[in-house]
Amino acid sequence: MIIKNIFWDVDGVLANLNFAYYNFLTKHPKYAPKYGNIKWEDLPKVLPIQPKYGALELKTHPEQGVEMDYDFCHSPEFFTNRPLYPHVIETLKELHQKGYKQFTLSATFDVETKKRFLNQLLSEVTDFLTIECVQHGKFMHDSAKEDMLKHCFQKYGLKAEETILVDDRIYNQYATINVGAHPIRYRCEFTTDLPEDLKWIPEVKSMEELKDWLANNTTMK
């Protein structure tokens, strides 16, 4: 398999969104009275994971999902408090040296706000990492990434069959397949198993595993 392009999801792959959610629920003045004492491992009890997502989402809270998501997105002290996972910067630099074109692909409520945050978070690699964001609801597909991938393929002259998307959300695995690219599932702390029809997708749990998969399953020419 020839792979020349890597699209990275940010939240849950490069950056620890679960960390941000935990701090938001336990420290935000509106939600701390109820959730201030929850344990880290109890996050899935507060935010039940829906099969469509396969990972934690504020929107899945049974009563206050929409409200929580809005408050989180409009609270910079929590929204931007999502540290990078270990070895992210080193891995991106190493893959750049090997010749891969790399992009981030994020759907967000405010493109400019998210871009500013990502440029700061990933400042060490923005000389070669292309940061792309799309606003929720801009496209018709359930996953904005389906349309955004197509847009990027045309914008940057990329071939879908030479591209992987590393993402933790299950619905984005379908989006990747639909555009003819190759999905890689990233398993973070609370991700659930893939459905039966997607069991064939490679899964990795660390940057080292991702590099090993590339080395053992792909070539650049």
Protein backbone atom coordinates (compact mmCIF):
# COMPACT_ATOMS: atom_id res chain seq x y z
CA MET A 1 0.00 0.00 0.00
CA ILE A 2 1.44 3.38 -1.01
CA ILE A 3 0.82 6.08 1.61
CA LYS A 4 2.15 9.61 1.18
CA ASN A 5 -0.35 11.73 3.13
CA ILE A 6 -1.45 11.60 6.78
CA PHE A 7 -4.50 13.45 8.06
CA TRP A 8 -4.64 13.63 11.85
CA ASP A 9 -7.76 14.14 13.87
CA VAL A 10 -6.75 16.34 16.80
CA ASP A 11 -9.16 15.62 19.66
CA GLY A 12 -8.60 12.11 20.98
CA VAL A 13 -5.61 11.44 18.73
CA LEU A 14 -3.07 14.24 19.08
CA ALA A 15 -4.63 16.04 22.06
CA ASN A 16 -6.35 14.66 25.15
CA LEU A 17 -9.93 15.88 24.86
CA ASN A 18 -10.97 13.60 27.73
CA PHE A 19 -8.65 15.59 30.02
CA ALA A 20 -10.43 18.77 28.95
CA TYR A 21 -13.86 17.21 29.53
CA TYR A 22 -12.91 16.03 33.00
CA ASN A 23 -11.67 19.44 34.07
CA PHE A 24 -14.74 21.09 32.58
CA LEU A 25 -17.20 18.84 34.39
CA THR A 26 -15.40 18.97 37.73
CA LYS A 27 -14.44 22.68 37.77
CA HIS A 28 -16.91 24.68 35.70
CA PRO A 29 -19.11 26.63 38.15
CA LYS A 30 -22.31 25.40 36.51
CA TYR A 31 -21.39 21.69 36.60
CA ALA A 32 -18.95 21.34 39.51
CA PRO A 33 -21.71 21.18 42.15
CA LYS A 34 -22.97 17.96 40.57
CA TYR A 35 -19.81 16.47 39.06
CA GLY A 36 -16.99 17.96 41.10
CA ASN A 37 -16.27 14.69 42.89
CA ILE A 38 -16.50 12.21 40.02
CA LYS A 39 -13.51 9.99 39.39
CA TRP A 40 -11.66 9.91 36.09
CA GLU A 41 -12.86 6.39 35.35
CA ASP A 42 -16.48 7.51 35.81
CA LEU A 43 -16.48 9.81 32.76
CA PRO A 44 -18.34 7.27 30.58
CA LYS A 45 -21.08 7.09 33.22
CA VAL A 46 -21.63 10.84 32.93
CA LEU A 47 -21.22 10.91 29.16
CA PRO A 48 -22.62 7.60 27.86
CA ILE A 49 -20.77 6.66 24.68
CA GLN A 50 -23.06 6.27 21.67
CA PRO A 51 -22.18 3.66 19.02
CA LYS A 52 -21.99 6.36 16.35
CA TYR A 53 -19.16 8.11 18.19
CA GLY A 54 -17.28 5.33 19.93
CA ALA A 55 -15.67 7.92 22.22
CA LEU A 56 -16.64 10.49 24.84
CA GLU A 57 -18.75 13.43 23.68
CA LEU A 58 -20.38 16.15 25.78
CA LYS A 59 -23.30 16.04 23.35
CA THR A 60 -24.18 12.53 24.54
CA HIS A 61 -25.13 13.68 28.05
CA PRO A 62 -28.76 12.53 28.31
CA GLU A 63 -30.21 15.81 29.65
CA GLN A 64 -27.73 18.65 29.16
CA GLY A 65 -25.68 17.59 26.15
CA VAL A 66 -26.37 20.61 23.95
CA GLU A 67 -25.96 23.00 26.86
CA MET A 68 -22.73 21.38 28.02
CA ASP A 69 -21.24 21.44 24.54
CA TYR A 70 -22.09 25.13 24.15
CA ASP A 71 -20.65 26.04 27.55
CA PHE A 72 -17.48 24.07 26.89
CA CYS A 73 -16.90 25.65 23.49
CA HIS A 74 -17.42 29.12 24.95
CA SER A 75 -15.14 28.65 27.97
CA PRO A 76 -11.56 29.13 26.70
CA GLU A 77 -10.03 28.09 30.00
CA PHE A 78 -11.51 24.61 29.52
CA PHE A 79 -11.75 24.43 25.73
CA THR A 80 -8.02 24.98 25.26
CA ASN A 81 -6.93 22.87 28.24
CA ARG A 82 -6.25 19.70 26.27
CA PRO A 83 -2.58 18.67 26.38
CA LEU A 84 -0.91 16.73 23.61
CA TYR A 85 -0.54 13.01 24.12
CA PRO A 86 3.00 11.69 24.69
CA HIS A 87 5.44 11.69 21.75
CA VAL A 88 3.15 13.58 19.38
CA ILE A 89 5.64 16.29 18.41
CA GLU A 90 8.52 13.83 18.01
CA THR A 91 6.37 11.53 15.87
CA LEU A 92 5.16 14.29 13.55
CA LYS A 93 8.74 15.50 13.09
CA GLU A 94 9.98 12.00 12.38
CA LEU A 95 7.26 11.35 9.81
CA HIS A 96 7.99 14.70 8.19
CA GLN A 97 11.64 13.74 7.83
CA LYS A 98 10.53 10.56 6.09
CA GLY A 99 8.64 12.61 3.53
CA TYR A 100 4.98 12.33 4.56
CA LYS A 101 2.67 15.29 3.94
CA GLN A 102 0.76 15.89 7.17
CA PHE A 103 -2.47 17.71 7.94
CA THR A 104 -4.82 18.14 10.88
CA LEU A 105 -8.53 17.95 10.20
CA SER A 106 -10.90 19.29 12.85
CA ALA A 107 -14.60 20.09 12.84
CA THR A 108 -15.38 22.89 15.27
CA PHE A 109 -17.92 25.53 16.30
CA ASP A 110 -15.59 28.42 15.43
CA VAL A 111 -12.92 27.90 12.80
CA GLU A 112 -10.77 30.91 13.66
CA THR A 113 -10.78 30.15 17.39
CA LYS A 114 -9.82 26.51 16.79
CA LYS A 115 -7.11 27.45 14.30
CA ARG A 116 -5.53 29.90 16.76
CA PHE A 117 -5.57 27.24 19.46
CA LEU A 118 -4.09 24.56 17.20
CA ASN A 119 -1.36 26.87 15.92
CA GLN A 120 -0.35 27.50 19.52
CA LEU A 121 -0.68 23.86 20.63
CA LEU A 122 1.30 22.58 17.64
CA SER A 123 3.62 25.55 17.24
CA GLU A 124 6.71 23.33 17.06
CA VAL A 125 5.54 21.69 13.85
CA THR A 126 3.52 24.32 12.00
CA ASP A 127 6.39 24.86 9.57
CA PHE A 128 5.34 21.61 7.86
CA LEU A 129 1.97 20.65 9.38
CA THR A 130 -1.04 22.06 7.51
CA ILE A 131 -3.90 22.90 9.88
CA GLU A 132 -7.37 22.59 8.37
CA CYS A 133 -10.61 23.23 10.26
CA VAL A 134 -14.23 23.15 9.17
CA GLN A 135 -17.26 24.60 10.92
CA HIS A 136 -19.91 22.18 12.14
CA GLY A 137 -22.88 22.16 9.80
CA LYS A 138 -21.06 23.60 6.80
CA PHE A 139 -21.49 20.44 4.75
CA MET A 140 -24.41 18.10 4.22
CA HIS A 141 -22.83 14.82 5.25
CA ASP A 142 -23.17 13.54 8.79
CA SER A 143 -19.40 13.74 9.07
CA ALA A 144 -18.04 17.07 7.85
CA LYS A 145 -14.74 15.28 7.34
CA GLU A 146 -16.09 13.44 4.32
CA ASP A 147 -16.54 16.69 2.45
CA MET A 148 -13.43 18.28 3.94
CA LEU A 149 -11.23 15.40 2.85
CA LYS A 150 -12.51 15.76 -0.71
CA HIS A 151 -11.86 19.49 -0.52
CA CYS A 152 -8.30 18.95 0.70
CA PHE A 153 -7.56 16.33 -1.94
CA GLN A 154 -8.46 18.87 -4.61
CA LYS A 155 -6.85 21.86 -2.87
CA TYR A 156 -3.49 20.17 -2.30
CA GLY A 157 -3.47 17.80 -5.27
CA LEU A 158 -3.56 14.62 -3.18
CA LYS A 159 -4.71 11.13 -4.11
CA ALA A 160 -7.28 9.56 -1.79
CA GLU A 161 -5.77 6.11 -2.19
CA GLU A 162 -2.42 7.45 -0.92
CA THR A 163 -3.96 8.95 2.21
CA ILE A 164 -4.78 7.80 5.73
CA LEU A 165 -6.96 9.52 8.32
CA VAL A 166 -6.06 8.71 11.92
CA ASP A 167 -9.23 9.26 13.95
CA ASP A 168 -10.91 7.90 17.07
CA ARG A 169 -14.55 8.58 16.13
CA ILE A 170 -16.39 5.72 14.47
CA TYR A 171 -18.46 7.85 12.12
CA ASN A 172 -15.25 9.30 10.70
CA GLN A 173 -14.08 5.80 9.78
CA TYR A 174 -17.06 5.58 7.44
CA ALA A 175 -16.29 9.06 6.09
CA THR A 176 -12.73 8.02 5.26
CA ILE A 177 -13.90 4.89 3.45
CA ASN A 178 -16.51 6.87 1.49
CA VAL A 179 -13.86 9.16 -0.01
CA GLY A 180 -11.58 6.28 -0.97
CA ALA A 181 -8.89 6.88 1.67
CA HIS A 182 -7.62 4.49 4.34
CA PRO A 183 -8.96 4.71 7.92
CA ILE A 184 -6.81 4.10 10.98
CA ARG A 185 -8.64 3.92 14.31
CA TYR A 186 -6.86 5.51 17.26
CA ARG A 187 -7.84 4.06 20.63
CA CYS A 188 -7.64 6.54 23.49
CA GLU A 189 -8.75 6.11 27.09
CA PHE A 190 -12.47 5.51 26.68
CA THR A 191 -12.99 4.43 23.09
CA THR A 192 -15.33 1.51 22.45
CA ASP A 193 -14.84 -1.36 20.00
CA LEU A 194 -15.52 -0.99 16.30
CA PRO A 195 -18.79 -2.40 14.94
CA GLU A 196 -18.60 -5.73 13.13
CA ASP A 197 -18.56 -4.20 9.64
CA LEU A 198 -15.47 -2.14 10.53
CA LYS A 199 -13.47 -4.79 12.39
CA TRP A 200 -10.99 -4.91 9.49
CA ILE A 201 -9.76 -1.37 10.19
CA PRO A 202 -6.31 -1.23 11.82
CA GLU A 203 -6.35 0.09 15.38
CA VAL A 204 -3.43 1.67 17.24
CA LYS A 205 -3.10 2.87 20.83
CA SER A 206 0.04 5.00 20.62
CA MET A 207 2.23 6.94 18.25
CA GLU A 208 4.74 4.09 18.34
CA GLU A 209 2.09 1.63 17.18
CA LEU A 210 1.11 3.98 14.37
CA LYS A 211 4.72 4.25 13.18
CA ASP A 212 5.09 0.46 13.35
CA TRP A 213 1.93 0.00 11.28
CA LEU A 214 3.21 2.40 8.62
CA ALA A 215 6.58 0.66 8.53
CA ASN A 216 5.09 -2.83 8.24
CA ASN A 217 2.13 -2.19 5.95
CA THR A 218 2.93 0.72 3.66
CA THR A 219 5.51 2.20 1.35
CA MET A 220 5.95 5.70 -0.08
CA LYS A 221 6.64 4.55 -3.66
